Amino acid sequence: MGKIITDEMIDYVSILAKLNLSDSEKKAAGKDMERMLEYIDMLNELNTDGVEPMTHIFPISNVFREDREENGDSREKMLENAPEARDGMYRVPKTVEQ
């Protein structure tokens, strides 16, 4: 495998990450990136035939409640919590002066 990570790539990634790298840090970052890509290549060589794709190592299922329609708009019940109500509406202090 030839050199995949170029100095331009390292400069571009450092700009995206808002990092100001010295020359020695750029060399180290380049080596780290190349090692990561080599590791990914190694993983791509693994035989995964018969391995079912998964999103998590533990068997989990959707824990959300079922989405169902309810009419929870009971005006009288909501107005019981209001400090003040009038004509079926919340009564609030005036905020705009005329």
PDB file of N, CA and C in Angstrom:
ATOM      1  N   MET A   1       0.864  -1.185   0.000  1.00  0.00           N
ATOM      2  CA  MET A   1       0.000   0.000   0.000  1.00  0.00           C
ATOM      3  C   MET A   1       0.901   1.236   0.000  1.00  0.00           C
ATOM      4  N   GLY A   2       0.658   2.115  -0.955  1.00  0.00           N
ATOM      5  CA  GLY A   2       1.435   3.341  -1.031  1.00  0.00           C
ATOM      6  C   GLY A   2       0.929   4.362  -0.024  1.00  0.00           C
ATOM      7  N   LYS A   3       1.569   5.520  -0.048  1.00  0.00           N
ATOM      8  CA  LYS A   3       1.150   6.569   0.883  1.00  0.00           C
ATOM      9  C   LYS A   3      -0.194   7.120   0.426  1.00  0.00           C
ATOM     10  N   ILE A   4      -1.217   6.914   1.265  1.00  0.00           N
ATOM     11  CA  ILE A   4      -2.571   7.354   0.927  1.00  0.00           C
ATOM     12  C   ILE A   4      -2.827   8.747   1.482  1.00  0.00           C
ATOM     13  N   ILE A   5      -2.333   9.000   2.662  1.00  0.00           N
ATOM     14  CA  ILE A   5      -2.564  10.282   3.339  1.00  0.00           C
ATOM     15  C   ILE A   5      -1.507  11.280   2.873  1.00  0.00           C
ATOM     16  N   THR A   6      -1.958  12.323   2.225  1.00  0.00           N
ATOM     17  CA  THR A   6      -1.043  13.358   1.736  1.00  0.00           C
ATOM     18  C   THR A   6      -0.998  14.519   2.726  1.00  0.00           C
ATOM     19  N   ASP A   7       0.012  15.360   2.537  1.00  0.00           N
ATOM     20  CA  ASP A   7       0.131  16.549   3.388  1.00  0.00           C
ATOM     21  C   ASP A   7      -1.069  17.468   3.205  1.00  0.00           C
ATOM     22  N   GLU A   8      -1.603  17.508   1.987  1.00  0.00           N
ATOM     23  CA  GLU A   8      -2.775  18.345   1.722  1.00  0.00           C
ATOM     24  C   GLU A   8      -3.991  17.842   2.489  1.00  0.00           C
ATOM     25  N   MET A   9      -4.123  16.512   2.560  1.00  0.00           N
ATOM     26  CA  MET A   9      -5.245  15.932   3.319  1.00  0.00           C
ATOM     27  C   MET A   9      -5.135  16.288   4.802  1.00  0.00           C
ATOM     28  N   ILE A  10      -3.931  16.192   5.328  1.00  0.00           N
ATOM     29  CA  ILE A  10      -3.721  16.507   6.748  1.00  0.00           C
ATOM     30  C   ILE A  10      -4.022  17.973   7.001  1.00  0.00           C
ATOM     31  N   ASP A  11      -3.579  18.850   6.084  1.00  0.00           N
ATOM     32  CA  ASP A  11      -3.877  20.278   6.225  1.00  0.00           C
ATOM     33  C   ASP A  11      -5.385  20.523   6.188  1.00  0.00           C
ATOM     34  N   TYR A  12      -6.072  19.842   5.255  1.00  0.00           N
ATOM     35  CA  TYR A  12      -7.521  20.007   5.117  1.00  0.00           C
ATOM     36  C   TYR A  12      -8.255  19.532   6.373  1.00  0.00           C
ATOM     37  N   VAL A  13      -7.882  18.362   6.876  1.00  0.00           N
ATOM     38  CA  VAL A  13      -8.522  17.829   8.078  1.00  0.00           C
ATOM     39  C   VAL A  13      -8.234  18.725   9.278  1.00  0.00           C
ATOM     40  N   SER A  14      -7.024  19.252   9.373  1.00  0.00           N
ATOM     41  CA  SER A  14      -6.701  20.132  10.499  1.00  0.00           C
ATOM     42  C   SER A  14      -7.500  21.430  10.429  1.00  0.00           C
ATOM     43  N   ILE A  15      -7.783  21.909   9.212  1.00  0.00           N
ATOM     44  CA  ILE A  15      -8.627  23.107   9.069  1.00  0.00           C
ATOM     45  C   ILE A  15     -10.053  22.789   9.522  1.00  0.00           C
ATOM     46  N   LEU A  16     -10.569  21.626   9.076  1.00  0.00           N
ATOM     47  CA  LEU A  16     -11.925  21.238   9.477  1.00  0.00           C
ATOM     48  C   LEU A  16     -12.042  21.068  10.988  1.00  0.00           C
ATOM     49  N   ALA A  17     -10.985  20.532  11.611  1.00  0.00           N
ATOM     50  CA  ALA A  17     -10.998  20.297  13.058  1.00  0.00           C
ATOM     51  C   ALA A  17     -10.562  21.529  13.833  1.00  0.00           C
ATOM     52  N   LYS A  18     -10.234  22.594  13.102  1.00  0.00           N
ATOM     53  CA  LYS A  18      -9.779  23.850  13.704  1.00  0.00           C
ATOM     54  C   LYS A  18      -8.575  23.609  14.616  1.00  0.00           C
ATOM     55  N   LEU A  19      -7.594  22.854  14.059  1.00  0.00           N
ATOM     56  CA  LEU A  19      -6.359  22.568  14.772  1.00  0.00           C
ATOM     57  C   LEU A  19      -5.206  23.270  14.080  1.00  0.00           C
ATOM     58  N   ASN A  20      -4.295  23.785  14.861  1.00  0.00           N
ATOM     59  CA  ASN A  20      -3.087  24.401  14.336  1.00  0.00           C
ATOM     60  C   ASN A  20      -1.942  23.448  14.665  1.00  0.00           C
ATOM     61  N   LEU A  21      -1.574  22.594  13.704  1.00  0.00           N
ATOM     62  CA  LEU A  21      -0.585  21.550  13.951  1.00  0.00           C
ATOM     63  C   LEU A  21       0.799  21.991  13.519  1.00  0.00           C
ATOM     64  N   SER A  22       1.802  21.625  14.325  1.00  0.00           N
ATOM     65  CA  SER A  22       3.185  21.856  13.934  1.00  0.00           C
ATOM     66  C   SER A  22       3.572  20.777  12.925  1.00  0.00           C
ATOM     67  N   ASP A  23       4.763  20.910  12.315  1.00  0.00           N
ATOM     68  CA  ASP A  23       5.197  19.928  11.324  1.00  0.00           C
ATOM     69  C   ASP A  23       5.314  18.535  11.930  1.00  0.00           C
ATOM     70  N   SER A  24       5.836  18.446  13.150  1.00  0.00           N
ATOM     71  CA  SER A  24       5.970  17.125  13.783  1.00  0.00           C
ATOM     72  C   SER A  24       4.598  16.533  14.108  1.00  0.00           C
ATOM     73  N   GLU A  25       3.643  17.379  14.496  1.00  0.00           N
ATOM     74  CA  GLU A  25       2.286  16.898  14.776  1.00  0.00           C
ATOM     75  C   GLU A  25       1.597  16.441  13.488  1.00  0.00           C
ATOM     76  N   LYS A  26       1.879  17.119  12.383  1.00  0.00           N
ATOM     77  CA  LYS A  26       1.313  16.721  11.092  1.00  0.00           C
ATOM     78  C   LYS A  26       1.844  15.349  10.680  1.00  0.00           C
ATOM     79  N   LYS A  27       3.156  15.112  10.890  1.00  0.00           N
ATOM     80  CA  LYS A  27       3.730  13.809  10.559  1.00  0.00           C
ATOM     81  C   LYS A  27       3.096  12.718  11.409  1.00  0.00           C
ATOM     82  N   ALA A  28       2.949  12.994  12.713  1.00  0.00           N
ATOM     83  CA  ALA A  28       2.348  12.003  13.621  1.00  0.00           C
ATOM     84  C   ALA A  28       0.899  11.744  13.243  1.00  0.00           C
ATOM     85  N   ALA A  29       0.163  12.798  12.902  1.00  0.00           N
ATOM     86  CA  ALA A  29      -1.237  12.641  12.513  1.00  0.00           C
ATOM     87  C   ALA A  29      -1.329  11.823  11.224  1.00  0.00           C
ATOM     88  N   GLY A  30      -0.442  12.055  10.287  1.00  0.00           N
ATOM     89  CA  GLY A  30      -0.430  11.299   9.036  1.00  0.00           C
ATOM     90  C   GLY A  30      -0.184   9.818   9.288  1.00  0.00           C
ATOM     91  N   LYS A  31       0.768   9.519  10.167  1.00  0.00           N
ATOM     92  CA  LYS A  31       1.055   8.122  10.505  1.00  0.00           C
ATOM     93  C   LYS A  31      -0.152   7.478  11.184  1.00  0.00           C
ATOM     94  N   ASP A  32      -0.786   8.218  12.094  1.00  0.00           N
ATOM     95  CA  ASP A  32      -1.982   7.693  12.780  1.00  0.00           C
ATOM     96  C   ASP A  32      -3.101   7.407  11.782  1.00  0.00           C
ATOM     97  N   MET A  33      -3.319   8.326  10.854  1.00  0.00           N
ATOM     98  CA  MET A  33      -4.380   8.135   9.862  1.00  0.00           C
ATOM     99  C   MET A  33      -4.080   6.929   8.974  1.00  0.00           C
ATOM    100  N   GLU A  34      -2.811   6.769   8.576  1.00  0.00           N
ATOM    101  CA  GLU A  34      -2.449   5.613   7.753  1.00  0.00           C
ATOM    102  C   GLU A  34      -2.649   4.307   8.519  1.00  0.00           C
ATOM    103  N   ARG A  35      -2.319   4.297   9.809  1.00  0.00           N
ATOM    104  CA  ARG A  35      -2.535   3.094  10.620  1.00  0.00           C
ATOM    105  C   ARG A  35      -4.027   2.780  10.726  1.00  0.00           C
ATOM    106  N   MET A  36      -4.855   3.809  10.851  1.00  0.00           N
ATOM    107  CA  MET A  36      -6.302   3.589  10.908  1.00  0.00           C
ATOM    108  C   MET A  36      -6.808   2.963   9.607  1.00  0.00           C
ATOM    109  N   LEU A  37      -6.336   3.485   8.479  1.00  0.00           N
ATOM    110  CA  LEU A  37      -6.769   2.951   7.190  1.00  0.00           C
ATOM    111  C   LEU A  37      -6.274   1.509   6.997  1.00  0.00           C
ATOM    112  N   GLU A  38      -5.056   1.208   7.454  1.00  0.00           N
ATOM    113  CA  GLU A  38      -4.546  -0.164   7.378  1.00  0.00           C
ATOM    114  C   GLU A  38      -5.408  -1.094   8.215  1.00  0.00           C
ATOM    115  N   TYR A  39      -5.833  -0.626   9.377  1.00  0.00           N
ATOM    116  CA  TYR A  39      -6.683  -1.445  10.242  1.00  0.00           C
ATOM    117  C   TYR A  39      -8.039  -1.700   9.564  1.00  0.00           C
ATOM    118  N   ILE A  40      -8.580  -0.689   8.934  1.00  0.00           N
ATOM    119  CA  ILE A  40      -9.851  -0.856   8.214  1.00  0.00           C
ATOM    120  C   ILE A  40      -9.682  -1.857   7.080  1.00  0.00           C
ATOM    121  N   ASP A  41      -8.542  -1.781   6.351  1.00  0.00           N
ATOM    122  CA  ASP A  41      -8.275  -2.752   5.293  1.00  0.00           C
ATOM    123  C   ASP A  41      -8.210  -4.167   5.861  1.00  0.00           C
ATOM    124  N   MET A  42      -7.590  -4.311   7.032  1.00  0.00           N
ATOM    125  CA  MET A  42      -7.497  -5.616   7.675  1.00  0.00           C
ATOM    126  C   MET A  42      -8.899  -6.128   8.026  1.00  0.00           C
ATOM    127  N   LEU A  43      -9.754  -5.247   8.547  1.00  0.00           N
ATOM    128  CA  LEU A  43     -11.117  -5.651   8.881  1.00  0.00           C
ATOM    129  C   LEU A  43     -11.899  -6.049   7.637  1.00  0.00           C
ATOM    130  N   ASN A  44     -11.631  -5.379   6.509  1.00  0.00           N
ATOM    131  CA  ASN A  44     -12.331  -5.704   5.265  1.00  0.00           C
ATOM    132  C   ASN A  44     -11.961  -7.088   4.743  1.00  0.00           C
ATOM    133  N   GLU A  45     -10.826  -7.627   5.176  1.00  0.00           N
ATOM    134  CA  GLU A  45     -10.404  -8.956   4.746  1.00  0.00           C
ATOM    135  C   GLU A  45     -11.097 -10.071   5.527  1.00  0.00           C
ATOM    136  N   LEU A  46     -11.751  -9.741   6.622  1.00  0.00           N
ATOM    137  CA  LEU A  46     -12.405 -10.762   7.441  1.00  0.00           C
ATOM    138  C   LEU A  46     -13.566 -11.398   6.690  1.00  0.00           C
ATOM    139  N   ASN A  47     -13.752 -12.686   6.912  1.00  0.00           N
ATOM    140  CA  ASN A  47     -14.868 -13.402   6.310  1.00  0.00           C
ATOM    141  C   ASN A  47     -16.102 -13.186   7.182  1.00  0.00           C
ATOM    142  N   THR A  48     -17.061 -12.493   6.645  1.00  0.00           N
ATOM    143  CA  THR A  48     -18.286 -12.206   7.400  1.00  0.00           C
ATOM    144  C   THR A  48     -19.493 -12.902   6.786  1.00  0.00           C
ATOM    145  N   ASP A  49     -19.234 -13.949   5.991  1.00  0.00           N
ATOM    146  CA  ASP A  49     -20.338 -14.716   5.421  1.00  0.00           C
ATOM    147  C   ASP A  49     -21.146 -15.351   6.539  1.00  0.00           C
ATOM    148  N   GLY A  50     -22.436 -15.234   6.478  1.00  0.00           N
ATOM    149  CA  GLY A  50     -23.309 -15.829   7.483  1.00  0.00           C
ATOM    150  C   GLY A  50     -23.434 -15.011   8.749  1.00  0.00           C
ATOM    151  N   VAL A  51     -22.776 -13.865   8.819  1.00  0.00           N
ATOM    152  CA  VAL A  51     -22.891 -12.999   9.988  1.00  0.00           C
ATOM    153  C   VAL A  51     -23.980 -11.984   9.709  1.00  0.00           C
ATOM    154  N   GLU A  52     -24.994 -12.015  10.537  1.00  0.00           N
ATOM    155  CA  GLU A  52     -26.123 -11.115  10.333  1.00  0.00           C
ATOM    156  C   GLU A  52     -25.758  -9.690  10.750  1.00  0.00           C
ATOM    157  N   PRO A  53     -26.062  -8.691   9.920  1.00  0.00           N
ATOM    158  CA  PRO A  53     -25.776  -7.297  10.304  1.00  0.00           C
ATOM    159  C   PRO A  53     -26.545  -6.929  11.562  1.00  0.00           C
ATOM    160  N   MET A  54     -25.911  -6.116  12.411  1.00  0.00           N
ATOM    161  CA  MET A  54     -26.574  -5.688  13.638  1.00  0.00           C
ATOM    162  C   MET A  54     -26.172  -4.262  13.961  1.00  0.00           C
ATOM    163  N   THR A  55     -26.978  -3.646  14.788  1.00  0.00           N
ATOM    164  CA  THR A  55     -26.693  -2.279  15.185  1.00  0.00           C
ATOM    165  C   THR A  55     -26.130  -2.200  16.592  1.00  0.00           C
ATOM    166  N   HIS A  56     -26.224  -3.301  17.336  1.00  0.00           N
ATOM    167  CA  HIS A  56     -25.771  -3.313  18.720  1.00  0.00           C
ATOM    168  C   HIS A  56     -25.379  -4.729  19.095  1.00  0.00           C
ATOM    169  N   ILE A  57     -24.398  -4.879  19.995  1.00  0.00           N
ATOM    170  CA  ILE A  57     -23.958  -6.228  20.348  1.00  0.00           C
ATOM    171  C   ILE A  57     -24.933  -6.924  21.279  1.00  0.00           C
ATOM    172  N   PHE A  58     -25.778  -6.179  21.958  1.00  0.00           N
ATOM    173  CA  PHE A  58     -26.765  -6.772  22.848  1.00  0.00           C
ATOM    174  C   PHE A  58     -28.111  -6.842  22.137  1.00  0.00           C
ATOM    175  N   PRO A  59     -28.890  -7.888  22.384  1.00  0.00           N
ATOM    176  CA  PRO A  59     -30.201  -7.973  21.726  1.00  0.00           C
ATOM    177  C   PRO A  59     -31.179  -6.987  22.365  1.00  0.00           C
ATOM    178  N   ILE A  60     -31.413  -5.895  21.692  1.00  0.00           N
ATOM    179  CA  ILE A  60     -32.354  -4.900  22.203  1.00  0.00           C
ATOM    180  C   ILE A  60     -33.459  -4.707  21.181  1.00  0.00           C
ATOM    181  N   SER A  61     -34.581  -4.247  21.650  1.00  0.00           N
ATOM    182  CA  SER A  61     -35.677  -3.960  20.736  1.00  0.00           C
ATOM    183  C   SER A  61     -36.170  -2.547  21.011  1.00  0.00           C
ATOM    184  N   ASN A  62     -37.050  -2.082  20.179  1.00  0.00           N
ATOM    185  CA  ASN A  62     -37.588  -0.743  20.324  1.00  0.00           C
ATOM    186  C   ASN A  62     -38.315  -0.631  21.663  1.00  0.00           C
ATOM    187  N   VAL A  63     -37.886   0.305  22.491  1.00  0.00           N
ATOM    188  CA  VAL A  63     -38.486   0.456  23.810  1.00  0.00           C
ATOM    189  C   VAL A  63     -39.473   1.617  23.859  1.00  0.00           C
ATOM    190  N   PHE A  64     -39.765   2.184  22.703  1.00  0.00           N
ATOM    191  CA  PHE A  64     -40.698   3.298  22.671  1.00  0.00           C
ATOM    192  C   PHE A  64     -42.133   2.791  22.740  1.00  0.00           C
ATOM    193  N   ARG A  65     -42.989   3.630  23.262  1.00  0.00           N
ATOM    194  CA  ARG A  65     -44.398   3.251  23.332  1.00  0.00           C
ATOM    195  C   ARG A  65     -45.004   3.307  21.938  1.00  0.00           C
ATOM    196  N   GLU A  66     -46.104   2.627  21.790  1.00  0.00           N
ATOM    197  CA  GLU A  66     -46.811   2.657  20.522  1.00  0.00           C
ATOM    198  C   GLU A  66     -47.388   4.054  20.319  1.00  0.00           C
ATOM    199  N   ASP A  67     -47.296   4.550  19.113  1.00  0.00           N
ATOM    200  CA  ASP A  67     -47.807   5.874  18.796  1.00  0.00           C
ATOM    201  C   ASP A  67     -49.299   5.776  18.540  1.00  0.00           C
ATOM    202  N   ARG A  68     -50.086   6.355  19.419  1.00  0.00           N
ATOM    203  CA  ARG A  68     -51.537   6.285  19.235  1.00  0.00           C
ATOM    204  C   ARG A  68     -52.154   7.652  19.519  1.00  0.00           C
ATOM    205  N   GLU A  69     -53.245   7.898  18.840  1.00  0.00           N
ATOM    206  CA  GLU A  69     -53.930   9.171  18.946  1.00  0.00           C
ATOM    207  C   GLU A  69     -54.801   9.209  20.186  1.00  0.00           C
ATOM    208  N   GLU A  70     -54.714  10.293  20.919  1.00  0.00           N
ATOM    209  CA  GLU A  70     -55.577  10.484  22.090  1.00  0.00           C
ATOM    210  C   GLU A  70     -56.094  11.904  22.083  1.00  0.00           C
ATOM    211  N   ASN A  71     -57.265  12.091  22.619  1.00  0.00           N
ATOM    212  CA  ASN A  71     -57.777  13.440  22.771  1.00  0.00           C
ATOM    213  C   ASN A  71     -57.519  13.858  24.222  1.00  0.00           C
ATOM    214  N   GLY A  72     -56.383  14.484  24.441  1.00  0.00           N
ATOM    215  CA  GLY A  72     -56.025  14.901  25.786  1.00  0.00           C
ATOM    216  C   GLY A  72     -56.326  16.367  26.024  1.00  0.00           C
ATOM    217  N   ASP A  73     -57.120  16.951  25.171  1.00  0.00           N
ATOM    218  CA  ASP A  73     -57.407  18.372  25.266  1.00  0.00           C
ATOM    219  C   ASP A  73     -58.711  18.591  26.034  1.00  0.00           C
ATOM    220  N   SER A  74     -58.632  18.421  27.327  1.00  0.00           N
ATOM    221  CA  SER A  74     -59.799  18.670  28.156  1.00  0.00           C
ATOM    222  C   SER A  74     -59.646  20.079  28.728  1.00  0.00           C
ATOM    223  N   ARG A  75     -60.340  20.995  28.132  1.00  0.00           N
ATOM    224  CA  ARG A  75     -60.190  22.413  28.502  1.00  0.00           C
ATOM    225  C   ARG A  75     -60.458  22.645  29.983  1.00  0.00           C
ATOM    226  N   GLU A  76     -61.505  22.050  30.500  1.00  0.00           N
ATOM    227  CA  GLU A  76     -61.842  22.282  31.910  1.00  0.00           C
ATOM    228  C   GLU A  76     -60.735  21.782  32.828  1.00  0.00           C
ATOM    229  N   LYS A  77     -60.181  20.625  32.493  1.00  0.00           N
ATOM    230  CA  LYS A  77     -59.126  20.054  33.318  1.00  0.00           C
ATOM    231  C   LYS A  77     -57.869  20.930  33.283  1.00  0.00           C
ATOM    232  N   MET A  78     -57.541  21.458  32.097  1.00  0.00           N
ATOM    233  CA  MET A  78     -56.358  22.322  31.982  1.00  0.00           C
ATOM    234  C   MET A  78     -56.567  23.639  32.724  1.00  0.00           C
ATOM    235  N   LEU A  79     -57.754  24.179  32.655  1.00  0.00           N
ATOM    236  CA  LEU A  79     -58.011  25.471  33.297  1.00  0.00           C
ATOM    237  C   LEU A  79     -58.034  25.366  34.823  1.00  0.00           C
ATOM    238  N   GLU A  80     -58.183  24.145  35.355  1.00  0.00           N
ATOM    239  CA  GLU A  80     -58.129  23.968  36.809  1.00  0.00           C
ATOM    240  C   GLU A  80     -56.774  24.386  37.362  1.00  0.00           C
ATOM    241  N   ASN A  81     -55.725  24.279  36.574  1.00  0.00           N
ATOM    242  CA  ASN A  81     -54.370  24.634  37.015  1.00  0.00           C
ATOM    243  C   ASN A  81     -54.051  26.111  36.827  1.00  0.00           C
ATOM    244  N   ALA A  82     -54.909  26.825  36.157  1.00  0.00           N
ATOM    245  CA  ALA A  82     -54.646  28.232  35.884  1.00  0.00           C
ATOM    246  C   ALA A  82     -54.893  29.067  37.126  1.00  0.00           C
ATOM    247  N   PRO A  83     -54.014  30.033  37.391  1.00  0.00           N
ATOM    248  CA  PRO A  83     -54.254  30.921  38.531  1.00  0.00           C
ATOM    249  C   PRO A  83     -55.541  31.718  38.357  1.00  0.00           C
ATOM    250  N   GLU A  84     -55.826  32.038  37.074  1.00  0.00           N
ATOM    251  CA  GLU A  84     -57.041  32.810  36.797  1.00  0.00           C
ATOM    252  C   GLU A  84     -57.550  32.444  35.400  1.00  0.00           C
ATOM    253  N   ALA A  85     -58.845  32.268  35.266  1.00  0.00           N
ATOM    254  CA  ALA A  85     -59.436  31.929  33.967  1.00  0.00           C
ATOM    255  C   ALA A  85     -60.712  32.724  33.779  1.00  0.00           C
ATOM    256  N   ARG A  86     -61.047  32.967  32.494  1.00  0.00           N
ATOM    257  CA  ARG A  86     -62.293  33.676  32.200  1.00  0.00           C
ATOM    258  C   ARG A  86     -62.775  33.258  30.826  1.00  0.00           C
ATOM    259  N   ASP A  87     -64.039  32.943  30.701  1.00  0.00           N
ATOM    260  CA  ASP A  87     -64.666  32.553  29.441  1.00  0.00           C
ATOM    261  C   ASP A  87     -63.943  31.368  28.783  1.00  0.00           C
ATOM    262  N   GLY A  88     -63.481  30.413  29.585  1.00  0.00           N
ATOM    263  CA  GLY A  88     -62.830  29.221  29.049  1.00  0.00           C
ATOM    264  C   GLY A  88     -61.419  29.459  28.543  1.00  0.00           C
ATOM    265  N   MET A  89     -60.788  30.560  28.982  1.00  0.00           N
ATOM    266  CA  MET A  89     -59.421  30.870  28.541  1.00  0.00           C
ATOM    267  C   MET A  89     -58.580  31.260  29.746  1.00  0.00           C
ATOM    268  N   TYR A  90     -57.262  31.164  29.588  1.00  0.00           N
ATOM    269  CA  TYR A  90     -56.357  31.640  30.633  1.00  0.00           C
ATOM    270  C   TYR A  90     -56.413  33.156  30.685  1.00  0.00           C
ATOM    271  N   ARG A  91     -56.430  33.681  31.881  1.00  0.00           N
ATOM    272  CA  ARG A  91     -56.380  35.136  32.046  1.00  0.00           C
ATOM    273  C   ARG A  91     -54.974  35.473  32.514  1.00  0.00           C
ATOM    274  N   VAL A  92     -54.305  36.329  31.729  1.00  0.00           N
ATOM    275  CA  VAL A  92     -52.922  36.703  32.022  1.00  0.00           C
ATOM    276  C   VAL A  92     -52.824  38.211  32.114  1.00  0.00           C
ATOM    277  N   PRO A  93     -51.760  38.714  32.766  1.00  0.00           N
ATOM    278  CA  PRO A  93     -51.613  40.163  32.853  1.00  0.00           C
ATOM    279  C   PRO A  93     -51.360  40.788  31.481  1.00  0.00           C
ATOM    280  N   LYS A  94     -51.795  41.988  31.321  1.00  0.00           N
ATOM    281  CA  LYS A  94     -51.602  42.720  30.077  1.00  0.00           C
ATOM    282  C   LYS A  94     -50.115  42.996  29.902  1.00  0.00           C
ATOM    283  N   THR A  95     -49.602  42.752  28.713  1.00  0.00           N
ATOM    284  CA  THR A  95     -48.165  42.961  28.471  1.00  0.00           C
ATOM    285  C   THR A  95     -47.886  44.075  27.492  1.00  0.00           C
ATOM    286  N   VAL A  96     -48.895  44.560  26.782  1.00  0.00           N
ATOM    287  CA  VAL A  96     -48.686  45.608  25.795  1.00  0.00           C
ATOM    288  C   VAL A  96     -49.470  46.830  26.225  1.00  0.00           C
ATOM    289  N   GLU A  97     -48.800  47.952  26.269  1.00  0.00           N
ATOM    290  CA  GLU A  97     -49.445  49.211  26.605  1.00  0.00           C
ATOM    291  C   GLU A  97     -49.929  49.874  25.328  1.00  0.00           C
ATOM    292  N   GLN A  98     -51.106  50.504  25.386  1.00  0.00           N
ATOM    293  CA  GLN A  98     -51.622  51.201  24.209  1.00  0.00           C
ATOM    294  C   GLN A  98     -51.459  52.675  24.349  1.00  0.00           C
TER     295      GLN A  98
END
